[in-house]
């Protein structure tokens, strides 16, 4: 099982950041919460800070744990660990995504989401 962290980043308008996976990548064209694979022995919050710096050139304040999901993509099983947070500084520069959007929570399910991200979205929309 591959452990992956995801940042549910919220801005001052209470909108949530999602990003579309780059063409040529696994799940290209799907929207997801940004993040990435944890390295062996790495703390999830530290991993999320590192991944968002590498993928988007932003420094984030990682806040509360939201929830996790486990999804079997057939060729790999992902354990997705979601944390809420905010951008502390930096402007978004995409590396692994084609575009990003700030979206009101209630509209998140209107996007073609990566399957592992759907339980995180549902937790955010219905239980948070």
C-alpha atoms as a PDB file:
ATOM      1  CA  UNK A   1       0.000   0.000   0.000  1.00  0.00           C
ATOM      2  CA  UNK A   2       1.273   3.439  -0.959  1.00  0.00           C
ATOM      3  CA  UNK A   3       0.740   6.168   1.635  1.00  0.00           C
ATOM      4  CA  UNK A   4      -0.113   9.536   0.117  1.00  0.00           C
ATOM      5  CA  UNK A   5      -0.856  12.851   1.831  1.00  0.00           C
ATOM      6  CA  UNK A   6      -3.346  15.388   0.515  1.00  0.00           C
ATOM      7  CA  UNK A   7      -3.765  19.034   1.412  1.00  0.00           C
ATOM      8  CA  UNK A   8      -7.260  20.396   1.737  1.00  0.00           C
ATOM      9  CA  UNK A   9      -6.165  24.009   1.446  1.00  0.00           C
ATOM     10  CA  UNK A  10      -8.741  26.645   2.297  1.00  0.00           C
ATOM     11  CA  UNK A  11      -8.474  30.340   1.394  1.00  0.00           C
ATOM     12  CA  UNK A  12      -9.925  33.457   3.028  1.00  0.00           C
ATOM     13  CA  UNK A  13     -13.162  33.042   1.008  1.00  0.00           C
ATOM     14  CA  UNK A  14     -13.556  29.502   2.443  1.00  0.00           C
ATOM     15  CA  UNK A  15     -12.853  28.036  -1.021  1.00  0.00           C
ATOM     16  CA  UNK A  16     -10.887  24.812  -1.426  1.00  0.00           C
ATOM     17  CA  UNK A  17      -7.918  24.270  -3.756  1.00  0.00           C
ATOM     18  CA  UNK A  18      -8.097  21.441  -6.289  1.00  0.00           C
ATOM     19  CA  UNK A  19      -5.708  20.672  -9.130  1.00  0.00           C
ATOM     20  CA  UNK A  20      -6.094  18.747 -12.398  1.00  0.00           C
ATOM     21  CA  UNK A  21      -3.600  15.941 -12.988  1.00  0.00           C
ATOM     22  CA  UNK A  22      -1.216  16.589 -15.837  1.00  0.00           C
ATOM     23  CA  UNK A  23      -1.566  14.898 -19.229  1.00  0.00           C
ATOM     24  CA  UNK A  24       0.555  11.759 -19.439  1.00  0.00           C
ATOM     25  CA  UNK A  25       0.301  11.068 -15.688  1.00  0.00           C
ATOM     26  CA  UNK A  26      -1.689   8.316 -13.964  1.00  0.00           C
ATOM     27  CA  UNK A  27      -5.294   9.584 -13.717  1.00  0.00           C
ATOM     28  CA  UNK A  28      -4.616  12.429 -16.151  1.00  0.00           C
ATOM     29  CA  UNK A  29      -7.467  14.914 -16.323  1.00  0.00           C
ATOM     30  CA  UNK A  30      -8.848  14.009 -12.897  1.00  0.00           C
ATOM     31  CA  UNK A  31      -9.069  16.678 -10.198  1.00  0.00           C
ATOM     32  CA  UNK A  32      -7.542  16.070  -6.789  1.00  0.00           C
ATOM     33  CA  UNK A  33      -6.362  17.665  -3.610  1.00  0.00           C
ATOM     34  CA  UNK A  34      -2.648  18.402  -4.082  1.00  0.00           C
ATOM     35  CA  UNK A  35      -0.073  16.343  -2.218  1.00  0.00           C
ATOM     36  CA  UNK A  36       2.031  13.266  -2.851  1.00  0.00           C
ATOM     37  CA  UNK A  37       3.742  10.121  -1.642  1.00  0.00           C
ATOM     38  CA  UNK A  38       5.163   9.949   1.832  1.00  0.00           C
ATOM     39  CA  UNK A  39       8.787   8.914   2.150  1.00  0.00           C
ATOM     40  CA  UNK A  40       9.675   6.050   4.486  1.00  0.00           C
ATOM     41  CA  UNK A  41       9.642   7.202   8.111  1.00  0.00           C
ATOM     42  CA  UNK A  42       8.347  10.662   7.213  1.00  0.00           C
ATOM     43  CA  UNK A  43       5.766  12.414   9.363  1.00  0.00           C
ATOM     44  CA  UNK A  44       2.547  12.984   7.332  1.00  0.00           C
ATOM     45  CA  UNK A  45       2.406  16.723   8.044  1.00  0.00           C
ATOM     46  CA  UNK A  46       6.068  17.198   7.138  1.00  0.00           C
ATOM     47  CA  UNK A  47       5.510  15.126   3.999  1.00  0.00           C
ATOM     48  CA  UNK A  48       2.615  17.365   2.976  1.00  0.00           C
ATOM     49  CA  UNK A  49       4.684  20.515   3.496  1.00  0.00           C
ATOM     50  CA  UNK A  50       7.511  19.024   1.391  1.00  0.00           C
ATOM     51  CA  UNK A  51       5.220  17.810  -1.393  1.00  0.00           C
ATOM     52  CA  UNK A  52       3.388  21.123  -1.746  1.00  0.00           C
ATOM     53  CA  UNK A  53       6.688  22.984  -1.931  1.00  0.00           C
ATOM     54  CA  UNK A  54       7.937  20.562  -4.639  1.00  0.00           C
ATOM     55  CA  UNK A  55       4.676  20.444  -6.641  1.00  0.00           C
ATOM     56  CA  UNK A  56       3.378  23.997  -6.264  1.00  0.00           C
ATOM     57  CA  UNK A  57       6.191  26.134  -4.784  1.00  0.00           C
ATOM     58  CA  UNK A  58       4.062  27.080  -1.782  1.00  0.00           C
ATOM     59  CA  UNK A  59       4.704  27.013   1.952  1.00  0.00           C
ATOM     60  CA  UNK A  60       1.692  25.729   3.865  1.00  0.00           C
ATOM     61  CA  UNK A  61       0.500  25.677   7.436  1.00  0.00           C
ATOM     62  CA  UNK A  62      -0.784  22.138   7.929  1.00  0.00           C
ATOM     63  CA  UNK A  63      -3.676  22.113  10.379  1.00  0.00           C
ATOM     64  CA  UNK A  64      -6.185  19.433  11.398  1.00  0.00           C
ATOM     65  CA  UNK A  65      -6.463  15.863  10.125  1.00  0.00           C
ATOM     66  CA  UNK A  66      -9.647  15.538   8.038  1.00  0.00           C
ATOM     67  CA  UNK A  67      -9.879  11.807   7.248  1.00  0.00           C
ATOM     68  CA  UNK A  68      -8.283   9.088   5.155  1.00  0.00           C
ATOM     69  CA  UNK A  69      -9.401   6.769   2.399  1.00  0.00           C
ATOM     70  CA  UNK A  70      -8.066   3.540   0.966  1.00  0.00           C
ATOM     71  CA  UNK A  71      -8.634   2.929  -2.722  1.00  0.00           C
ATOM     72  CA  UNK A  72      -7.572   0.014  -4.943  1.00  0.00           C
ATOM     73  CA  UNK A  73      -6.720   1.288  -8.426  1.00  0.00           C
ATOM     74  CA  UNK A  74      -6.066  -2.268  -9.617  1.00  0.00           C
ATOM     75  CA  UNK A  75      -2.331  -1.858 -10.164  1.00  0.00           C
ATOM     76  CA  UNK A  76      -1.807  -0.173  -6.756  1.00  0.00           C
ATOM     77  CA  UNK A  77      -3.591   0.482  -3.494  1.00  0.00           C
ATOM     78  CA  UNK A  78      -3.482   4.028  -2.134  1.00  0.00           C
ATOM     79  CA  UNK A  79      -3.999   5.144   1.446  1.00  0.00           C
ATOM     80  CA  UNK A  80      -4.825   8.845   1.121  1.00  0.00           C
ATOM     81  CA  UNK A  81      -4.397  10.890   4.310  1.00  0.00           C
ATOM     82  CA  UNK A  82      -6.051  14.315   4.226  1.00  0.00           C
ATOM     83  CA  UNK A  83      -5.126  17.375   6.277  1.00  0.00           C
ATOM     84  CA  UNK A  84      -6.657  20.795   6.209  1.00  0.00           C
ATOM     85  CA  UNK A  85      -4.337  23.747   5.830  1.00  0.00           C
ATOM     86  CA  UNK A  86      -3.679  27.186   4.431  1.00  0.00           C
ATOM     87  CA  UNK A  87      -1.074  28.722   2.172  1.00  0.00           C
ATOM     88  CA  UNK A  88       1.361  30.593   4.425  1.00  0.00           C
ATOM     89  CA  UNK A  89       3.370  32.156   1.612  1.00  0.00           C
ATOM     90  CA  UNK A  90       4.236  31.781  -2.044  1.00  0.00           C
ATOM     91  CA  UNK A  91       2.386  31.836  -5.326  1.00  0.00           C
ATOM     92  CA  UNK A  92       1.237  28.613  -6.939  1.00  0.00           C
ATOM     93  CA  UNK A  93       3.494  27.394  -9.762  1.00  0.00           C
ATOM     94  CA  UNK A  94       2.325  24.046 -11.157  1.00  0.00           C
ATOM     95  CA  UNK A  95       4.731  21.147 -11.724  1.00  0.00           C
ATOM     96  CA  UNK A  96       2.550  17.982 -11.709  1.00  0.00           C
ATOM     97  CA  UNK A  97      -0.778  19.536 -12.669  1.00  0.00           C
ATOM     98  CA  UNK A  98      -2.236  21.293 -15.712  1.00  0.00           C
ATOM     99  CA  UNK A  99      -4.406  23.748 -13.793  1.00  0.00           C
ATOM    100  CA  UNK A 100      -5.793  24.598 -10.385  1.00  0.00           C
ATOM    101  CA  UNK A 101      -8.993  26.163  -9.105  1.00  0.00           C
ATOM    102  CA  UNK A 102     -10.387  27.541  -5.875  1.00  0.00           C
ATOM    103  CA  UNK A 103     -13.862  26.015  -5.496  1.00  0.00           C
ATOM    104  CA  UNK A 104     -16.747  26.405  -3.045  1.00  0.00           C
ATOM    105  CA  UNK A 105     -17.128  23.154  -1.088  1.00  0.00           C
ATOM    106  CA  UNK A 106     -20.639  22.496  -2.343  1.00  0.00           C
ATOM    107  CA  UNK A 107     -19.391  22.405  -5.948  1.00  0.00           C
ATOM    108  CA  UNK A 108     -16.473  20.007  -5.438  1.00  0.00           C
ATOM    109  CA  UNK A 109     -18.530  16.942  -6.362  1.00  0.00           C
ATOM    110  CA  UNK A 110     -19.308  18.527  -9.758  1.00  0.00           C
ATOM    111  CA  UNK A 111     -15.688  17.859 -10.800  1.00  0.00           C
ATOM    112  CA  UNK A 112     -14.255  14.627 -12.191  1.00  0.00           C
ATOM    113  CA  UNK A 113     -12.407  13.679  -9.003  1.00  0.00           C
ATOM    114  CA  UNK A 114      -9.741  11.036  -8.493  1.00  0.00           C
ATOM    115  CA  UNK A 115     -11.570   8.116  -6.818  1.00  0.00           C
ATOM    116  CA  UNK A 116      -9.367   8.127  -3.695  1.00  0.00           C
ATOM    117  CA  UNK A 117     -10.197  11.814  -3.132  1.00  0.00           C
ATOM    118  CA  UNK A 118     -13.983  11.374  -3.153  1.00  0.00           C
ATOM    119  CA  UNK A 119     -14.272  10.221   0.509  1.00  0.00           C
ATOM    120  CA  UNK A 120     -12.222  13.265   1.572  1.00  0.00           C
ATOM    121  CA  UNK A 121     -14.521  15.562  -0.406  1.00  0.00           C
ATOM    122  CA  UNK A 122     -17.603  13.903   1.099  1.00  0.00           C
ATOM    123  CA  UNK A 123     -16.180  14.330   4.619  1.00  0.00           C
ATOM    124  CA  UNK A 124     -15.426  17.982   3.920  1.00  0.00           C
ATOM    125  CA  UNK A 125     -18.818  18.718   2.328  1.00  0.00           C
ATOM    126  CA  UNK A 126     -21.133  16.691   4.578  1.00  0.00           C
ATOM    127  CA  UNK A 127     -19.408  16.332   7.956  1.00  0.00           C
ATOM    128  CA  UNK A 128     -17.031  19.254   8.451  1.00  0.00           C
END
